[in-house]
Amino acid sequence: MNIGMKSTSELIDSLITTCIKCYMKQDILMSSPDTEVVQVARDIQTLNKRRNELMREIDKRLGDSDITVTDKTY
């Protein structure tokens, strides 16, 4: 589903889920063999990009679009 089509509560739920997934991937990254580190790091970047999109959309809906500074933090 397009991020703009979700309700605010769905966006918040997605943000929470994405943050947990990102945290868990960080844990995996620290214990992965060198051969897997690149893929795990890419997965983390993808999750972080999604997290930033969700935060921007939530801020926009709440009228705080100028507060969250998330310009390309991934």
Protein backbone atom coordinates (compact mmCIF):
# COMPACT_ATOMS: atom_id res chain seq x y z
CA MET A 1 0.00 0.00 0.00
CA ASN A 2 1.21 3.49 -0.87
CA ILE A 3 2.40 5.36 2.21
CA GLY A 4 0.03 8.24 1.46
CA MET A 5 -2.97 5.89 1.48
CA LYS A 6 -2.39 4.67 5.04
CA SER A 7 -4.16 6.13 8.04
CA THR A 8 -2.08 7.94 10.63
CA SER A 9 -2.41 5.01 13.03
CA GLU A 10 -1.21 2.61 10.30
CA LEU A 11 1.77 4.89 9.66
CA ILE A 12 2.68 4.88 13.35
CA ASP A 13 2.33 1.10 13.48
CA SER A 14 4.55 0.77 10.40
CA LEU A 15 7.10 3.14 11.95
CA ILE A 16 7.25 1.09 15.16
CA THR A 17 7.60 -2.15 13.20
CA THR A 18 10.29 -0.67 10.95
CA CYS A 19 12.27 0.64 13.94
CA ILE A 20 12.19 -2.79 15.57
CA LYS A 21 13.29 -4.48 12.34
CA CYS A 22 16.12 -1.97 11.95
CA TYR A 23 17.25 -2.55 15.53
CA MET A 24 17.21 -6.32 15.04
CA LYS A 25 19.20 -6.03 11.79
CA GLN A 26 21.82 -3.94 13.63
CA ASP A 27 22.14 -6.80 16.11
CA ILE A 28 22.56 -9.27 13.23
CA LEU A 29 25.14 -7.00 11.58
CA MET A 30 27.36 -7.04 14.65
CA SER A 31 27.43 -10.84 14.76
CA SER A 32 27.54 -11.61 11.03
CA PRO A 33 30.54 -13.03 9.24
CA ASP A 34 32.25 -10.63 6.85
CA THR A 35 30.70 -12.35 3.84
CA GLU A 36 27.19 -11.35 4.99
CA VAL A 37 27.90 -7.84 6.31
CA VAL A 38 27.30 -6.05 3.01
CA GLN A 39 23.83 -7.53 2.50
CA VAL A 40 22.79 -6.88 6.09
CA ALA A 41 24.06 -3.28 5.80
CA ARG A 42 21.99 -2.82 2.63
CA ASP A 43 18.94 -4.21 4.40
CA ILE A 44 19.50 -1.70 7.21
CA GLN A 45 19.76 1.16 4.71
CA THR A 46 16.49 0.09 3.10
CA LEU A 47 14.76 -0.05 6.48
CA ASN A 48 16.19 3.33 7.47
CA LYS A 49 14.95 4.87 4.22
CA ARG A 50 11.46 3.49 4.96
CA ARG A 51 11.66 4.80 8.53
CA ASN A 52 12.50 8.29 7.26
CA GLU A 53 9.62 8.23 4.76
CA LEU A 54 7.21 7.21 7.52
CA MET A 55 8.47 9.91 9.88
CA ARG A 56 8.13 12.58 7.17
CA GLU A 57 4.56 11.50 6.37
CA ILE A 58 3.55 11.40 10.04
CA ASP A 59 5.07 14.85 10.61
CA LYS A 60 3.26 16.19 7.54
CA ARG A 61 -0.06 14.84 8.82
CA LEU A 62 0.48 16.31 12.26
CA GLY A 63 1.44 19.69 10.81
CA ASP A 64 5.06 19.44 11.92
CA SER A 65 6.72 18.87 8.56
CA ASP A 66 9.47 21.39 9.31
CA ILE A 67 10.51 19.76 12.61
CA THR A 68 11.97 16.39 11.65
CA VAL A 69 15.31 16.84 9.94
CA THR A 70 15.63 13.62 7.95
CA ASP A 71 17.25 14.68 4.72
CA LYS A 72 19.04 11.61 3.44
CA THR A 73 20.17 10.10 6.70
CA TYR A 74 20.51 6.64 5.22
